[in-house]
Amino acid sequence: MARKVKSVQETGGKTGSTGHGGVWNPELAKELVLRTHSTATTFRYFGTKKLEIPCKYFYLAKVFRNEAIDATHGAEFHQAEGFIVGDGLTLVDLMGFVKEFYKKLGITKIRFKPVFNPYTEPSLQAYYYDEDAKKWYALINSGIFRPEALEPYGIKKSVIAWGMGLDRMAVILNKKQRMKDIAGGHLSFDWLKSRPTIKSEL
């Protein structure tokens, strides 16, 4: 696997890309770092499991960011990540999935904007409109995995993927204004006890 990653990093491997340039440093790659995106879990799964294609995978992961904390951003939070592998998946499929997913949560006013991600191309950021605040807010990051990202794992099919902040979604669904209103030292226990209990059959 290391040789394949090195090849893609330096020359693009067999993808037709020129790669990211520079010499791949295996010692640097082995260094530990707090996970900033749950996509790291996707690639770990690619490398340790045999995918039964076509397939859909969904999971939750805790992530950490070195950024300023405000009403909608935290230094640590949770992401819901997912990816679908299949033939000929396009942006239309990705946008349709995102819209349908949030429609089931009662969020229907969504728009998309192109963004840059190093591992997906094309990439999209989805925004939702908050009727109370009369503003658009970032909702989810998504895209189609680049061939270079899939080459070391031997995946030849199309892969659409996304990651969304669960904490921010909890703020939206509970009609709160700040993330600290649902977690942390500012959380009201009276409000928390008033929330309905969700029972699982698992």
Protein backbone atom coordinates (compact mmCIF):
# COMPACT_ATOMS: atom_id res chain seq x y z
CA MET A 1 0.00 0.00 0.00
CA ALA A 2 2.80 2.43 0.90
CA ARG A 3 4.36 2.05 -2.55
CA LYS A 4 1.03 2.77 -4.23
CA VAL A 5 0.46 5.88 -2.11
CA LYS A 6 4.01 7.06 -2.86
CA SER A 7 3.46 6.57 -6.59
CA VAL A 8 0.19 8.51 -6.63
CA GLN A 9 1.63 11.29 -4.44
CA GLU A 10 4.72 11.81 -6.57
CA THR A 11 3.60 11.02 -10.13
CA GLY A 12 -0.15 10.36 -10.12
CA GLY A 13 0.32 6.61 -10.51
CA LYS A 14 -1.78 5.18 -13.33
CA THR A 15 -4.50 7.83 -13.12
CA GLY A 16 -3.13 10.21 -15.76
CA SER A 17 -2.54 12.86 -13.10
CA THR A 18 0.86 14.42 -12.44
CA GLY A 19 0.42 13.87 -8.69
CA HIS A 20 0.81 16.40 -5.90
CA GLY A 21 4.52 16.84 -6.54
CA GLY A 22 7.39 16.54 -4.13
CA VAL A 23 8.78 13.44 -2.47
CA TRP A 24 6.44 11.38 -0.30
CA ASN A 25 7.82 11.06 3.22
CA PRO A 26 6.69 7.82 4.93
CA GLU A 27 7.95 9.00 8.33
CA LEU A 28 5.83 12.15 8.11
CA ALA A 29 2.84 10.02 7.06
CA LYS A 30 3.25 7.89 10.21
CA GLU A 31 3.03 10.86 12.58
CA LEU A 32 -0.10 11.06 14.72
CA VAL A 33 -2.51 13.94 14.33
CA LEU A 34 -5.97 14.65 15.72
CA ARG A 35 -8.53 13.81 13.04
CA THR A 36 -9.84 16.99 11.38
CA HIS A 37 -12.16 15.22 8.93
CA SER A 38 -14.05 11.95 9.21
CA THR A 39 -12.92 11.20 5.63
CA ALA A 40 -9.80 9.74 7.23
CA THR A 41 -12.07 6.94 8.49
CA THR A 42 -13.32 6.33 4.95
CA PHE A 43 -9.78 5.79 3.67
CA ARG A 44 -8.96 3.54 6.63
CA TYR A 45 -11.99 1.44 5.69
CA PHE A 46 -10.87 1.35 2.05
CA GLY A 47 -7.53 -0.03 3.19
CA THR A 48 -8.71 -2.63 5.70
CA LYS A 49 -11.98 -3.98 4.32
CA LYS A 50 -13.04 -5.51 1.04
CA LEU A 51 -15.90 -3.48 -0.33
CA GLU A 52 -18.84 -5.33 -1.84
CA ILE A 53 -19.54 -3.04 -4.79
CA PRO A 54 -22.04 -1.45 -5.28
CA CYS A 55 -22.33 -0.37 -1.67
CA LYS A 56 -23.34 2.36 0.79
CA TYR A 57 -21.60 3.08 4.07
CA PHE A 58 -22.53 5.54 6.83
CA TYR A 59 -20.82 6.20 10.16
CA LEU A 60 -20.15 8.77 12.91
CA ALA A 61 -16.77 10.10 13.97
CA LYS A 62 -15.39 12.68 16.40
CA VAL A 63 -13.18 15.34 14.82
CA PHE A 64 -10.98 18.16 16.09
CA ARG A 65 -10.26 21.61 14.64
CA ASN A 66 -7.79 24.33 15.55
CA GLU A 67 -10.17 27.18 14.91
CA ALA A 68 -12.02 29.97 16.65
CA ILE A 69 -15.10 28.90 18.58
CA ASP A 70 -18.32 30.73 17.80
CA ALA A 71 -22.06 30.06 17.66
CA THR A 72 -21.75 27.45 14.88
CA HIS A 73 -18.14 26.22 15.26
CA GLY A 74 -16.44 24.15 17.92
CA ALA A 75 -12.88 22.93 18.52
CA GLU A 76 -14.22 19.36 18.69
CA PHE A 77 -17.45 18.00 17.31
CA HIS A 78 -18.99 15.01 15.53
CA GLN A 79 -19.35 14.32 11.83
CA ALA A 80 -21.70 12.00 10.00
CA GLU A 81 -19.80 10.61 7.04
CA GLY A 82 -20.97 8.47 4.20
CA PHE A 83 -20.06 7.25 0.75
CA ILE A 84 -21.70 5.35 -2.09
CA VAL A 85 -19.76 3.26 -4.62
CA GLY A 86 -21.29 2.38 -7.96
CA ASP A 87 -21.24 2.77 -11.73
CA GLY A 88 -21.45 6.23 -13.28
CA LEU A 89 -22.41 8.17 -10.15
CA THR A 90 -22.53 11.91 -10.87
CA LEU A 91 -23.06 15.26 -9.16
CA VAL A 92 -26.77 14.90 -9.89
CA ASP A 93 -26.82 11.70 -7.79
CA LEU A 94 -24.87 13.40 -5.01
CA MET A 95 -27.08 16.51 -4.94
CA GLY A 96 -30.20 14.36 -5.05
CA PHE A 97 -29.01 12.29 -2.10
CA VAL A 98 -28.16 15.38 -0.03
CA LYS A 99 -31.53 17.00 -0.75
CA GLU A 100 -33.47 13.83 0.05
CA PHE A 101 -31.50 13.25 3.27
CA TYR A 102 -32.22 16.72 4.62
CA LYS A 103 -35.80 16.70 3.36
CA LYS A 104 -36.45 13.86 5.80
CA LEU A 105 -35.19 16.16 8.57
CA GLY A 106 -37.50 18.96 7.47
CA ILE A 107 -34.83 21.05 5.74
CA THR A 108 -35.81 21.82 2.14
CA LYS A 109 -34.33 25.21 1.25
CA ILE A 110 -30.86 24.14 0.11
CA ARG A 111 -28.41 25.47 -2.44
CA PHE A 112 -24.98 24.29 -3.64
CA LYS A 113 -21.69 26.03 -4.34
CA PRO A 114 -18.48 24.60 -5.85
CA VAL A 115 -15.58 24.33 -3.38
CA PHE A 116 -12.07 22.88 -3.34
CA ASN A 117 -11.26 19.61 -1.58
CA PRO A 118 -7.89 17.93 -2.24
CA TYR A 119 -9.43 14.44 -2.46
CA THR A 120 -12.69 15.10 -4.38
CA GLU A 121 -13.30 16.71 -7.76
CA PRO A 122 -15.80 18.12 -8.39
CA SER A 123 -16.66 19.19 -4.84
CA LEU A 124 -19.76 20.87 -3.46
CA GLN A 125 -20.70 22.75 -0.31
CA ALA A 126 -24.41 22.72 0.53
CA TYR A 127 -26.06 25.61 2.39
CA TYR A 128 -29.46 25.85 4.08
CA TYR A 129 -31.59 28.93 4.61
CA ASP A 130 -32.50 29.77 8.19
CA GLU A 131 -35.93 31.40 8.06
CA ASP A 132 -35.59 32.87 11.56
CA ALA A 133 -32.14 34.41 11.04
CA LYS A 134 -32.82 35.19 7.35
CA LYS A 135 -29.35 33.89 6.49
CA TRP A 136 -27.69 31.04 4.60
CA TYR A 137 -25.48 28.70 6.65
CA ALA A 138 -23.01 25.99 5.62
CA LEU A 139 -24.59 22.56 5.94
CA ILE A 140 -22.49 19.81 4.36
CA ASN A 141 -19.32 19.25 2.32
CA SER A 142 -19.37 16.66 -0.43
CA GLY A 143 -17.86 15.53 -3.69
CA ILE A 144 -16.78 12.74 -6.03
CA PHE A 145 -13.51 11.07 -5.05
CA ARG A 146 -10.63 11.80 -7.39
CA PRO A 147 -9.05 8.82 -9.20
CA GLU A 148 -5.80 9.56 -7.33
CA ALA A 149 -7.58 9.05 -4.01
CA LEU A 150 -8.94 5.65 -5.08
CA GLU A 151 -5.94 4.32 -7.04
CA PRO A 152 -4.01 2.84 -4.06
CA TYR A 153 -7.10 0.81 -3.08
CA GLY A 154 -7.82 -0.50 -6.58
CA ILE A 155 -11.31 1.09 -6.66
CA LYS A 156 -12.35 1.73 -10.27
CA LYS A 157 -15.97 2.69 -9.68
CA SER A 158 -17.39 6.15 -8.98
CA VAL A 159 -17.53 7.15 -5.31
CA ILE A 160 -19.71 10.01 -4.07
CA ALA A 161 -19.11 11.09 -0.46
CA TRP A 162 -20.13 13.69 2.11
CA GLY A 163 -19.52 14.78 5.68
CA MET A 164 -21.80 16.87 7.88
CA GLY A 165 -21.52 18.30 11.38
CA LEU A 166 -23.92 16.49 13.70
CA ASP A 167 -23.67 19.11 16.43
CA ARG A 168 -24.68 21.89 14.05
CA MET A 169 -27.57 19.75 12.82
CA ALA A 170 -28.71 19.26 16.43
CA VAL A 171 -28.68 23.05 16.85
CA ILE A 172 -30.84 23.49 13.74
CA LEU A 173 -33.36 20.77 14.59
CA ASN A 174 -33.75 22.02 18.17
CA LYS A 175 -34.12 25.62 16.96
CA LYS A 176 -31.20 26.81 19.04
CA GLN A 177 -28.81 29.59 18.05
CA ARG A 178 -25.51 28.34 19.50
CA MET A 179 -23.75 25.00 19.77
CA LYS A 180 -23.09 25.59 23.46
CA ASP A 181 -26.85 25.61 24.02
CA ILE A 182 -26.94 21.84 23.38
CA ALA A 183 -23.60 20.72 24.87
CA GLY A 184 -21.01 21.85 27.39
CA GLY A 185 -21.11 24.01 30.48
CA HIS A 186 -23.92 26.26 29.22
CA LEU A 187 -26.35 23.40 28.61
CA SER A 188 -29.62 23.67 30.50
CA PHE A 189 -30.36 20.38 32.27
CA ASP A 190 -34.03 21.32 32.49
CA TRP A 191 -34.13 21.64 28.71
CA LEU A 192 -32.20 18.38 28.27
CA LYS A 193 -34.58 16.47 30.59
CA SER A 194 -37.54 17.81 28.62
CA ARG A 195 -36.29 16.22 25.39
CA PRO A 196 -38.02 12.97 24.30
CA THR A 197 -36.09 9.76 24.83
CA ILE A 198 -35.10 7.92 21.65
CA LYS A 199 -35.32 4.17 22.06
CA SER A 200 -33.23 1.86 19.91
CA GLU A 201 -34.00 -1.73 19.01
CA LEU A 202 -30.27 -2.52 18.68
